N, C-alpha and C. Protein backbone atom coordinates (compact mmCIF):
# COMPACT_ATOMS: atom_id res chain seq x y z
N ARG A 1 77.29 111.36 113.57
CA ARG A 1 77.98 111.33 114.73
C ARG A 1 77.71 109.90 115.99
N LEU A 2 76.36 109.94 115.55
CA LEU A 2 75.70 109.06 116.53
C LEU A 2 76.93 107.31 115.89
N TYR A 3 75.93 107.45 114.76
CA TYR A 3 76.73 106.19 113.88
C TYR A 3 78.12 105.95 114.05
N VAL A 4 79.49 106.72 114.19
CA VAL A 4 80.89 106.77 114.58
C VAL A 4 81.16 106.29 115.35
N GLU A 5 80.14 106.72 116.64
CA GLU A 5 79.77 106.25 117.93
C GLU A 5 79.75 105.18 118.31
N LEU A 6 78.55 103.96 117.71
CA LEU A 6 78.28 102.95 117.45
C LEU A 6 79.30 102.43 117.14
N GLY A 7 79.77 103.04 116.57
CA GLY A 7 80.77 101.81 115.08
C GLY A 7 82.25 101.76 115.81
N ASN A 8 82.53 102.88 117.28
CA ASN A 8 83.86 102.05 117.00
C ASN A 8 83.27 101.84 118.61
N LEU A 9 82.79 101.90 118.45
CA LEU A 9 81.90 100.88 120.30
C LEU A 9 82.12 99.01 119.84
N TYR A 10 81.42 99.12 118.76
CA TYR A 10 80.94 97.42 117.91
C TYR A 10 83.10 97.09 117.74
N LEU A 11 83.76 97.83 116.72
CA LEU A 11 84.72 97.70 116.79
C LEU A 11 85.69 96.97 117.90
N MET A 12 85.39 98.26 118.83
CA MET A 12 86.12 97.92 120.42
C MET A 12 86.08 96.50 120.35
N LYS A 13 84.37 95.95 120.68
CA LYS A 13 84.12 94.41 120.94
C LYS A 13 84.75 93.78 119.85
N ASP A 14 85.35 94.43 118.86
CA ASP A 14 85.68 93.10 118.25
C ASP A 14 84.94 92.20 117.47
N GLN A 15 83.87 93.22 116.99
CA GLN A 15 82.98 92.84 115.50
C GLN A 15 82.97 94.03 114.44
N PRO A 16 84.04 94.10 114.01
CA PRO A 16 83.92 94.88 112.21
C PRO A 16 83.42 95.13 111.35
N SER A 17 82.32 93.62 110.96
CA SER A 17 81.02 93.45 110.69
C SER A 17 80.38 94.85 110.67
N GLN A 18 80.21 94.66 112.22
CA GLN A 18 78.84 95.73 112.53
C GLN A 18 79.54 96.82 112.56
N ALA A 19 80.82 96.87 112.84
CA ALA A 19 81.30 98.53 112.89
C ALA A 19 81.06 99.46 111.63
N ALA A 20 81.28 98.14 110.35
CA ALA A 20 81.67 98.59 109.37
C ALA A 20 80.02 99.11 108.53
N ASN A 21 79.08 98.83 109.69
CA ASN A 21 77.57 98.76 108.75
C ASN A 21 77.06 100.56 108.84
N TYR A 22 78.00 100.19 110.77
CA TYR A 22 77.65 101.89 111.21
C TYR A 22 78.75 103.05 110.32
N ALA A 23 79.60 102.58 109.63
CA ALA A 23 80.66 103.48 109.14
C ALA A 23 79.80 103.59 108.08
N ALA A 24 79.25 102.92 107.43
CA ALA A 24 77.69 103.36 106.13
C ALA A 24 77.41 104.26 106.49
N LYS A 25 76.49 103.72 106.92
CA LYS A 25 75.17 104.89 107.32
C LYS A 25 75.66 105.99 107.62
N ALA A 26 77.16 106.45 108.48
CA ALA A 26 77.51 107.49 109.25
C ALA A 26 77.90 108.29 107.58
N LEU A 27 78.55 107.30 106.47
CA LEU A 27 79.16 108.03 104.61
C LEU A 27 78.41 108.29 104.17
N ARG A 28 76.79 107.70 104.21
CA ARG A 28 75.50 108.12 103.71
C ARG A 28 75.12 109.33 103.58
N VAL A 29 75.00 109.53 105.30
CA VAL A 29 74.80 111.30 105.75
C VAL A 29 75.28 111.94 105.29
N ASP A 30 77.21 111.26 105.74
CA ASP A 30 78.01 112.15 105.47
C ASP A 30 79.44 111.93 104.21
N ARG A 31 79.56 111.98 103.47
CA ARG A 31 80.48 111.78 102.85
C ARG A 31 81.69 112.74 103.12
N ARG A 32 81.79 113.46 103.58
CA ARG A 32 82.99 114.28 103.84
C ARG A 32 83.05 114.51 105.32
N ASN A 33 82.52 113.26 106.32
CA ASN A 33 83.09 113.10 107.34
C ASN A 33 84.49 112.64 107.05
N PRO A 34 85.21 113.31 108.16
CA PRO A 34 86.30 112.42 108.12
C PRO A 34 86.45 111.10 109.51
N CYS A 35 85.73 111.16 110.29
CA CYS A 35 85.89 110.20 111.61
C CYS A 35 85.08 109.16 110.89
N ALA A 36 84.26 109.69 109.77
CA ALA A 36 83.94 108.28 109.09
C ALA A 36 84.12 107.19 108.53
N TRP A 37 84.75 108.11 107.76
CA TRP A 37 86.53 107.66 106.69
C TRP A 37 87.47 106.95 108.04
N MET A 38 87.61 106.93 108.79
CA MET A 38 88.55 106.64 109.29
C MET A 38 87.88 105.37 110.28
N LEU A 39 86.84 105.67 110.77
CA LEU A 39 85.79 104.41 111.20
C LEU A 39 86.04 103.22 110.14
N LYS A 40 85.89 103.73 108.91
CA LYS A 40 86.06 102.45 107.36
C LYS A 40 87.43 101.83 107.63
N GLY A 41 87.94 102.37 107.30
CA GLY A 41 89.60 102.14 107.79
C GLY A 41 89.63 101.07 108.10
N ARG A 42 89.68 101.61 109.19
CA ARG A 42 89.73 100.52 110.96
C ARG A 42 88.88 99.33 110.74
N CYS A 43 87.74 99.86 110.46
CA CYS A 43 86.90 97.69 109.83
C CYS A 43 87.61 97.24 108.91
N GLN A 44 87.64 98.11 107.57
CA GLN A 44 88.79 97.31 106.61
C GLN A 44 90.16 97.12 106.94
N GLU A 45 90.92 97.87 107.50
CA GLU A 45 91.59 97.27 108.31
C GLU A 45 91.99 95.65 109.59
N ALA A 46 91.11 95.61 110.24
CA ALA A 46 90.38 95.01 111.05
C ALA A 46 89.91 93.67 110.07
N GLN A 47 89.32 93.54 109.04
CA GLN A 47 89.44 92.18 107.73
C GLN A 47 89.94 91.84 107.10
N GLY A 48 91.24 92.75 107.20
CA GLY A 48 92.15 92.49 106.13
C GLY A 48 92.58 92.63 105.20
N ASP A 49 91.80 93.81 104.92
CA ASP A 49 91.26 94.32 103.67
C ASP A 49 92.84 95.89 103.47
N ALA A 50 93.96 95.39 103.64
CA ALA A 50 95.54 96.50 103.58
C ALA A 50 94.91 97.92 103.17
N GLU A 51 94.82 98.00 101.84
CA GLU A 51 94.89 98.30 100.38
C GLU A 51 93.54 99.37 101.04
N ALA A 52 92.68 98.51 100.88
CA ALA A 52 91.44 99.43 100.93
C ALA A 52 91.27 100.34 101.85
N ALA A 53 91.86 99.85 103.64
CA ALA A 53 92.11 100.78 104.66
C ALA A 53 93.27 102.09 104.63
N LEU A 54 93.49 102.17 104.24
CA LEU A 54 94.79 102.80 103.55
C LEU A 54 94.01 104.17 102.65
N ALA A 55 93.62 103.15 101.29
CA ALA A 55 92.52 104.75 101.23
C ALA A 55 91.59 104.85 101.80
N SER A 56 91.30 104.76 102.78
CA SER A 56 90.14 105.16 103.71
C SER A 56 90.91 106.47 104.92
N PHE A 57 91.88 105.94 105.34
CA PHE A 57 92.85 106.74 106.26
C PHE A 57 93.87 108.01 105.39
N HIS A 58 93.34 107.88 103.35
CA HIS A 58 93.94 108.80 103.35
C HIS A 58 92.68 109.80 103.11
N ARG A 59 91.62 109.48 102.78
CA ARG A 59 91.03 109.50 102.75
C ARG A 59 90.02 111.15 103.45
N ALA A 60 90.46 110.39 105.05
CA ALA A 60 90.24 110.72 106.26
C ALA A 60 91.60 112.32 106.44
N ALA A 61 92.93 111.82 106.53
CA ALA A 61 93.59 112.63 105.79
C ALA A 61 93.43 113.76 104.91
N GLY A 62 92.87 113.66 104.16
CA GLY A 62 92.56 114.89 103.01
C GLY A 62 91.16 116.07 103.15
N LEU A 63 90.89 115.31 104.56
CA LEU A 63 89.36 116.41 104.68
C LEU A 63 89.61 116.76 106.27
N ASP A 64 89.94 116.27 106.67
CA ASP A 64 90.74 116.53 108.44
C ASP A 64 92.22 116.27 108.24
N ASP A 65 93.32 117.51 108.17
CA ASP A 65 94.37 116.81 108.54
C ASP A 65 94.80 117.51 109.82
N SER A 66 93.47 118.39 110.96
CA SER A 66 94.11 118.69 111.91
C SER A 66 94.58 117.56 112.72
N ASP A 67 94.20 116.00 112.50
CA ASP A 67 93.91 115.47 113.56
C ASP A 67 95.24 114.15 113.23
N PRO A 68 96.56 114.43 114.06
CA PRO A 68 97.65 113.50 113.28
C PRO A 68 97.79 112.06 113.43
N GLN A 69 96.55 111.72 114.28
CA GLN A 69 96.57 110.17 114.60
C GLN A 69 96.91 109.78 113.13
N VAL A 70 95.60 109.24 112.52
CA VAL A 70 95.80 109.55 110.63
C VAL A 70 96.66 108.50 110.67
N GLN A 71 97.87 109.89 110.58
CA GLN A 71 98.84 109.83 110.12
C GLN A 71 99.39 107.80 111.01
N VAL A 72 98.79 108.02 112.30
CA VAL A 72 99.38 106.62 112.78
C VAL A 72 99.17 105.49 112.28
N HIS A 73 97.34 105.50 111.99
CA HIS A 73 97.54 104.38 111.49
C HIS A 73 97.12 104.46 109.53
N ILE A 74 98.44 105.21 108.96
CA ILE A 74 98.53 105.21 108.14
C ILE A 74 100.12 104.39 108.06
N ALA A 75 100.94 104.98 108.70
CA ALA A 75 101.94 104.57 108.95
C ALA A 75 101.93 103.04 109.25
N GLU A 76 101.02 103.01 110.69
CA GLU A 76 101.58 101.13 111.01
C GLU A 76 100.92 100.07 109.15
N THR A 77 99.87 100.80 108.38
CA THR A 77 99.24 99.40 107.92
C THR A 77 100.61 99.77 106.84
N TYR A 78 101.35 100.95 105.70
CA TYR A 78 102.21 101.13 105.69
C TYR A 78 103.24 99.84 105.61
N ARG A 79 103.56 100.09 106.76
CA ARG A 79 104.72 98.96 107.65
C ARG A 79 103.84 97.62 107.14
N ARG A 80 103.06 97.49 107.60
CA ARG A 80 103.23 95.76 107.85
C ARG A 80 102.77 95.14 106.28
N MET A 81 102.11 96.54 105.11
CA MET A 81 102.43 95.74 104.08
C MET A 81 103.86 95.65 103.43
N GLY A 82 104.71 95.73 104.69
CA GLY A 82 105.81 96.15 104.14
C GLY A 82 106.19 96.81 103.20
N ARG A 83 105.69 98.24 103.88
CA ARG A 83 106.87 98.68 103.01
C ARG A 83 107.00 100.53 104.03
N PRO A 84 107.81 100.43 104.22
CA PRO A 84 108.52 101.04 105.33
C PRO A 84 108.63 102.53 105.40
N MET A 85 109.18 102.94 103.78
CA MET A 85 109.39 104.10 103.60
C MET A 85 108.41 105.14 103.20
N GLN A 86 107.28 104.26 103.37
CA GLN A 86 105.72 105.02 103.41
C GLN A 86 105.80 105.28 104.57
N ALA A 87 105.65 104.30 105.25
CA ALA A 87 105.41 104.50 107.05
C ALA A 87 106.63 105.60 108.12
N LEU A 88 107.57 105.57 107.37
CA LEU A 88 108.17 106.50 107.80
C LEU A 88 108.02 107.44 107.06
N ASN A 89 107.26 108.52 106.44
CA ASN A 89 106.65 109.38 105.45
C ASN A 89 106.09 110.41 106.08
N ALA A 90 105.16 108.76 107.24
CA ALA A 90 103.59 108.93 107.11
C ALA A 90 104.61 109.72 108.80
N LEU A 91 105.36 109.27 109.55
CA LEU A 91 105.17 109.13 111.06
C LEU A 91 105.42 110.48 110.51
N GLN A 92 106.80 111.29 109.63
CA GLN A 92 107.01 112.28 109.64
C GLN A 92 106.15 113.39 109.94
N VAL A 93 104.97 113.37 108.86
CA VAL A 93 104.33 114.06 108.99
C VAL A 93 103.24 114.42 110.32
N TYR A 94 103.19 113.11 110.88
CA TYR A 94 102.93 113.56 112.34
C TYR A 94 103.71 113.39 113.16
N SER A 95 104.57 113.95 113.57
CA SER A 95 105.80 114.38 114.58
C SER A 95 105.65 116.17 114.43
N GLU A 96 105.49 116.37 113.18
CA GLU A 96 105.56 117.36 112.72
C GLU A 96 104.11 118.48 113.93
N HIS A 97 103.58 117.67 114.47
CA HIS A 97 102.23 118.18 115.43
C HIS A 97 103.02 118.37 116.44
N TYR A 98 104.42 117.69 116.95
CA TYR A 98 104.09 118.02 118.19
C TYR A 98 106.24 118.62 118.15
N ALA A 99 106.13 118.80 119.43
CA ALA A 99 107.79 118.91 119.90
C ALA A 99 108.27 118.17 120.36
N THR A 100 110.08 117.89 119.61
CA THR A 100 110.76 116.38 119.64
C THR A 100 110.41 115.39 120.95
N ASP A 101 110.58 116.08 122.30
CA ASP A 101 110.69 115.76 123.24
C ASP A 101 109.04 115.64 123.69
N GLN A 102 107.52 115.54 122.67
CA GLN A 102 106.38 115.28 123.46
C GLN A 102 106.02 114.30 122.13
N LEU A 103 106.29 114.10 121.39
CA LEU A 103 106.52 113.21 120.78
C LEU A 103 105.72 111.90 121.26
N PRO A 104 104.39 111.30 121.36
CA PRO A 104 103.90 110.01 121.79
C PRO A 104 104.50 109.02 121.98
N MET A 105 104.49 107.75 123.02
CA MET A 105 105.72 107.44 123.02
C MET A 105 105.59 106.12 122.05
N ASP A 106 104.25 106.09 121.66
CA ASP A 106 103.81 104.31 121.01
C ASP A 106 104.22 105.33 119.37
N ALA A 107 104.36 106.51 119.28
CA ALA A 107 104.90 107.32 117.45
C ALA A 107 106.64 107.02 117.50
N VAL A 108 106.85 107.07 118.69
CA VAL A 108 108.29 107.35 119.23
C VAL A 108 109.33 106.04 118.26
N LEU A 109 108.07 104.31 119.14
CA LEU A 109 108.71 103.08 119.14
C LEU A 109 108.69 102.13 117.58
N LEU A 110 106.97 103.31 117.08
CA LEU A 110 106.57 102.69 115.49
C LEU A 110 107.86 103.50 114.87
N THR A 111 108.31 105.10 114.98
CA THR A 111 109.46 104.85 114.39
C THR A 111 111.04 103.83 113.72
N ALA A 112 110.76 104.27 115.42
CA ALA A 112 112.45 103.64 115.78
C ALA A 112 112.04 102.48 115.53
N ARG A 113 110.57 101.52 115.37
CA ARG A 113 110.63 100.21 114.64
C ARG A 113 110.47 99.72 112.56
N THR A 114 110.54 101.19 112.48
CA THR A 114 110.43 100.96 111.38
C THR A 114 111.79 101.50 110.39
N LEU A 115 112.20 102.34 111.52
CA LEU A 115 113.74 102.65 110.60
C LEU A 115 114.79 100.83 110.73
N MET A 116 114.26 100.85 112.03
CA MET A 116 114.64 99.59 111.64
C MET A 116 115.13 98.34 110.65
N ASP A 117 113.35 98.17 110.59
CA ASP A 117 112.65 97.68 109.27
C ASP A 117 113.62 98.58 107.98
N LEU A 118 114.33 99.56 108.25
CA LEU A 118 114.79 99.93 106.92
C LEU A 118 116.15 99.94 106.92
N LYS A 119 116.68 99.19 107.99
CA LYS A 119 118.18 99.05 108.30
C LYS A 119 118.92 99.87 109.04
N GLN A 120 117.87 101.01 109.15
CA GLN A 120 119.10 102.32 109.74
C GLN A 120 118.78 101.80 111.39
N HIS A 121 119.55 100.97 111.50
CA HIS A 121 119.80 100.65 112.94
C HIS A 121 120.04 101.85 114.08
N GLN A 122 120.91 103.00 113.25
CA GLN A 122 121.80 103.81 113.65
C GLN A 122 120.80 104.79 114.60
N ARG A 123 119.98 105.26 113.39
CA ARG A 123 119.42 106.22 113.71
C ARG A 123 118.34 105.48 114.74
N ALA A 124 118.31 104.38 114.78
CA ALA A 124 116.51 103.59 115.49
C ALA A 124 118.04 103.97 116.98
N THR A 125 118.82 103.63 116.58
CA THR A 125 119.25 104.10 118.69
C THR A 125 119.34 105.20 119.15
N GLU A 126 119.52 106.36 118.40
CA GLU A 126 119.75 107.52 118.40
C GLU A 126 117.99 108.59 119.04
N HIS A 127 117.34 107.59 117.97
CA HIS A 127 116.05 107.71 118.08
C HIS A 127 115.37 107.19 119.61
N LEU A 128 116.09 105.90 119.74
CA LEU A 128 115.71 105.67 121.51
C LEU A 128 116.43 105.97 122.22
N ALA A 129 117.51 106.25 122.60
CA ALA A 129 118.35 106.96 123.27
C ALA A 129 117.59 108.08 123.69
N LEU A 130 117.49 108.75 122.95
CA LEU A 130 116.20 110.05 123.97
C LEU A 130 115.44 109.94 124.31
N ALA A 131 114.98 108.62 123.70
CA ALA A 131 113.42 108.55 124.11
C ALA A 131 113.48 107.75 125.68
N ALA A 132 114.34 107.12 125.71
CA ALA A 132 114.17 106.37 127.29
C ALA A 132 115.06 107.15 128.12
N ARG A 133 115.61 108.76 128.06
CA ARG A 133 115.86 109.57 129.26
C ARG A 133 114.26 110.47 129.38
N ARG A 134 113.16 109.74 129.12
CA ARG A 134 112.09 110.90 129.09
C ARG A 134 111.26 110.23 130.52
N SER A 135 110.35 110.60 131.33
CA SER A 135 110.06 110.12 132.28
C SER A 135 108.86 108.90 131.88
N ASP A 136 108.23 109.06 130.37
CA ASP A 136 107.75 108.53 130.38
C ASP A 136 107.98 106.83 129.53
N ALA A 137 109.21 107.43 129.57
CA ALA A 137 109.77 105.63 129.40
C ALA A 137 109.01 104.61 129.68
N THR A 138 108.76 103.68 128.86
CA THR A 138 109.26 102.15 129.80
C THR A 138 109.44 101.04 129.06
N ALA A 139 108.95 99.92 130.33
CA ALA A 139 109.97 99.19 129.55
C ALA A 139 110.32 98.35 128.15
N GLU A 140 109.25 98.77 127.23
CA GLU A 140 109.26 98.91 125.57
C GLU A 140 109.60 99.39 125.27
N THR A 141 110.12 100.89 125.31
CA THR A 141 111.26 101.69 124.91
C THR A 141 112.48 100.90 125.52
N TRP A 142 112.79 100.77 127.02
CA TRP A 142 113.93 100.27 126.56
C TRP A 142 114.46 99.24 125.91
N LEU A 143 113.36 97.79 125.65
CA LEU A 143 113.64 96.66 125.09
C LEU A 143 113.83 97.10 123.92
N THR A 144 113.47 97.80 123.24
CA THR A 144 113.42 98.45 122.13
C THR A 144 114.83 98.87 121.31
N LEU A 145 115.64 99.53 122.69
CA LEU A 145 116.54 100.49 122.41
C LEU A 145 117.64 99.18 122.31
N SER A 146 117.66 98.43 123.33
CA SER A 146 118.51 97.32 123.00
C SER A 146 118.68 96.13 121.90
N GLN A 147 117.58 95.72 121.31
CA GLN A 147 117.02 95.55 119.97
C GLN A 147 117.82 95.95 119.12
N ALA A 148 117.53 97.32 119.40
CA ALA A 148 118.20 97.96 118.06
C ALA A 148 119.86 98.06 118.26
N PHE A 149 120.81 98.35 118.97
CA PHE A 149 121.08 98.16 119.83
C PHE A 149 122.28 96.89 118.79
N TYR A 150 121.37 95.71 119.50
CA TYR A 150 122.57 94.54 119.28
C TYR A 150 121.95 94.72 117.96
N GLN A 151 121.09 94.67 116.71
CA GLN A 151 121.14 94.95 114.99
C GLN A 151 121.97 95.66 114.72
N ALA A 152 122.08 96.76 115.48
CA ALA A 152 123.29 97.48 114.87
C ALA A 152 124.73 96.66 115.16
N GLY A 153 124.25 95.43 115.15
CA GLY A 153 125.69 95.50 116.17
C GLY A 153 127.05 95.23 117.03
N ASN A 154 126.65 96.90 118.02
CA ASN A 154 126.97 96.67 119.47
C ASN A 154 126.52 95.68 120.43
N VAL A 155 127.04 95.02 120.52
CA VAL A 155 126.07 93.57 121.25
C VAL A 155 126.87 93.87 123.04
N SER A 156 127.77 95.02 123.53
CA SER A 156 128.17 95.53 124.21
C SER A 156 127.03 96.30 125.15
N ALA A 157 126.47 97.77 123.97
CA ALA A 157 125.95 98.27 124.55
C ALA A 157 124.73 98.05 124.38
N ALA A 158 123.79 96.67 123.81
CA ALA A 158 122.71 96.02 123.58
C ALA A 158 122.74 95.59 125.53
N LYS A 159 123.67 95.09 126.00
CA LYS A 159 123.18 94.71 127.39
C LYS A 159 123.24 95.10 127.92
N VAL A 160 124.13 96.35 127.93
CA VAL A 160 124.45 98.01 129.29
C VAL A 160 122.34 98.20 129.36
N ALA A 161 122.52 98.48 127.69
CA ALA A 161 120.53 99.40 128.02
C ALA A 161 119.45 97.71 128.21
N ALA A 162 119.99 96.74 128.31
CA ALA A 162 119.07 95.75 128.60
C ALA A 162 119.01 95.69 130.24
N THR A 163 120.78 96.11 131.15
CA THR A 163 120.36 95.56 132.39
C THR A 163 120.08 96.62 133.27
N ASN A 164 119.96 98.05 131.94
CA ASN A 164 119.28 99.38 133.02
C ASN A 164 118.13 98.85 132.54
N ALA A 165 117.21 98.52 131.85
CA ALA A 165 116.41 97.85 132.10
C ALA A 165 115.76 97.55 133.20
N ARG A 166 116.17 96.36 133.22
CA ARG A 166 115.85 95.35 134.50
C ARG A 166 116.11 96.10 135.53
N GLN A 167 116.43 96.44 135.87
CA GLN A 167 116.41 97.44 136.79
C GLN A 167 115.60 98.45 137.13
N ARG A 168 115.13 99.06 136.31
CA ARG A 168 113.26 99.66 136.01
C ARG A 168 112.57 99.21 136.54
N PHE A 169 112.84 97.91 135.75
CA PHE A 169 111.46 97.10 134.78
C PHE A 169 111.88 95.87 135.37
N PRO A 170 111.90 95.19 136.50
CA PRO A 170 112.76 93.97 137.29
C PRO A 170 111.09 92.65 136.48
N GLU A 171 110.26 92.97 136.84
CA GLU A 171 108.88 92.52 136.72
C GLU A 171 108.54 92.12 135.40
N ASP A 172 109.28 93.10 134.10
CA ASP A 172 108.59 92.80 132.40
C ASP A 172 108.54 91.40 131.78
N ALA A 173 108.15 90.83 131.16
CA ALA A 173 107.94 89.43 130.71
C ALA A 173 109.00 89.32 129.77
N PRO A 174 108.72 90.24 128.43
CA PRO A 174 109.40 90.64 127.05
C PRO A 174 110.34 90.58 127.52
N LEU A 175 111.01 91.30 128.41
CA LEU A 175 111.98 92.38 128.80
C LEU A 175 113.16 90.71 129.23
N GLN A 176 112.73 90.17 130.50
CA GLN A 176 113.56 89.37 130.90
C GLN A 176 113.64 88.29 129.91
N GLU A 177 113.04 88.02 128.70
CA GLU A 177 113.53 86.83 127.57
C GLU A 177 113.94 87.49 127.37
N TRP A 178 114.35 88.73 126.80
CA TRP A 178 115.29 89.56 125.97
C TRP A 178 116.62 89.34 127.01
N ILE A 179 116.76 89.94 127.69
CA ILE A 179 118.14 89.09 128.28
C ILE A 179 118.32 88.25 128.47
N ALA A 180 117.28 87.55 129.24
CA ALA A 180 117.98 85.93 128.83
C ALA A 180 118.52 85.06 127.78
N SER A 181 118.83 85.78 126.65
CA SER A 181 118.61 85.31 125.20
C SER A 181 119.63 85.75 124.76
N LEU A 182 119.79 87.48 125.58
CA LEU A 182 121.48 87.70 125.59
C LEU A 182 121.93 86.78 126.60
N GLU A 183 122.66 86.71 127.61
CA GLU A 183 123.34 86.42 128.16
C GLU A 183 123.32 84.88 127.93
N ARG A 184 122.04 84.45 127.90
CA ARG A 184 122.18 82.12 127.00
C ARG A 184 123.93 82.45 126.42
N PRO A 185 124.69 81.19 127.24
CA PRO A 185 125.94 80.88 126.62
C PRO A 185 125.59 80.48 124.79
N GLY A 186 126.40 80.67 124.02
CA GLY A 186 126.30 80.46 122.87
C GLY A 186 124.96 80.94 121.85
N SER A 187 123.99 81.52 122.45
CA SER A 187 123.45 81.71 122.15
C SER A 187 123.58 82.31 120.75
N ALA A 188 122.74 82.66 119.32
CA ALA A 188 122.61 83.82 118.64
C ALA A 188 121.19 84.25 118.56
N VAL A 189 120.83 85.86 118.80
CA VAL A 189 119.72 85.88 119.02
C VAL A 189 119.52 86.89 117.79
N ASP A 190 118.60 86.54 117.10
CA ASP A 190 117.94 86.75 115.71
C ASP A 190 118.45 88.44 115.57
N ARG A 191 119.35 88.72 115.08
CA ARG A 191 119.43 90.10 114.60
C ARG A 191 118.09 91.06 113.62
N THR A 192 117.55 90.23 113.15
CA THR A 192 116.33 90.68 112.18
C THR A 192 114.92 90.87 112.86
N ALA A 193 114.76 90.29 114.26
CA ALA A 193 113.49 90.49 115.09
C ALA A 193 113.85 91.72 115.82
N SER A 194 111.98 92.17 115.87
CA SER A 194 111.63 93.25 116.62
C SER A 194 110.28 92.79 117.82
N VAL A 195 110.33 93.84 118.34
CA VAL A 195 109.73 93.82 119.00
C VAL A 195 107.94 93.98 118.58
N PRO A 196 107.65 92.68 118.89
CA PRO A 196 106.13 92.69 119.09
C PRO A 196 105.37 93.94 119.27
N ALA A 197 104.29 94.20 119.05
CA ALA A 197 103.52 95.14 120.05
C ALA A 197 102.09 94.55 120.38
N ASN A 198 102.25 93.22 120.14
CA ASN A 198 101.12 93.45 120.80
C ASN A 198 101.43 92.28 121.86
N ARG A 199 102.95 92.61 122.63
CA ARG A 199 103.23 91.27 123.89
C ARG A 199 103.61 92.46 124.89
N TYR A 200 102.70 93.88 124.68
CA TYR A 200 102.90 94.56 125.96
C TYR A 200 101.03 94.50 125.82
């Protein structure tokens, strides 16, 4: 356990090579440690080896299916690899651990973006409209809802969602950029665009 904790610390410091050394040490002690496999996968992901990371995440999930967060890492990796259907399957497994209205917001947004990757914009808007009613809805929730409406071809609904979002989050910069693009005369917002997770 100490090796895993040290590895996580190095990973937080953006030192994946050092973190990977501790993941290897942890696995030498116990090859059936799901946390060590999770750490190894995150290191591989940080080093750009998505296939290896995916294998490690699946190994972690196979050893301990009680930690739903593993499925989020699997889904994120599949999505980065351009495999949204597999990402959606992983998110469905993840969602089984929660009541519909208690699904963590980051998973709600990841699910919506994955549906948008699959061109299932109507499902994405339905998913996000429910999330926007929650007390923990964020500016990103509303922004993604507006973009999903736009990509579905419903520009008026996109503008309504953006207006509602601005009333709730008047200082949010990415939201203001999106609203400006919607309001700019003659502008054509890219309907394939999605909200980058690292903008928040």
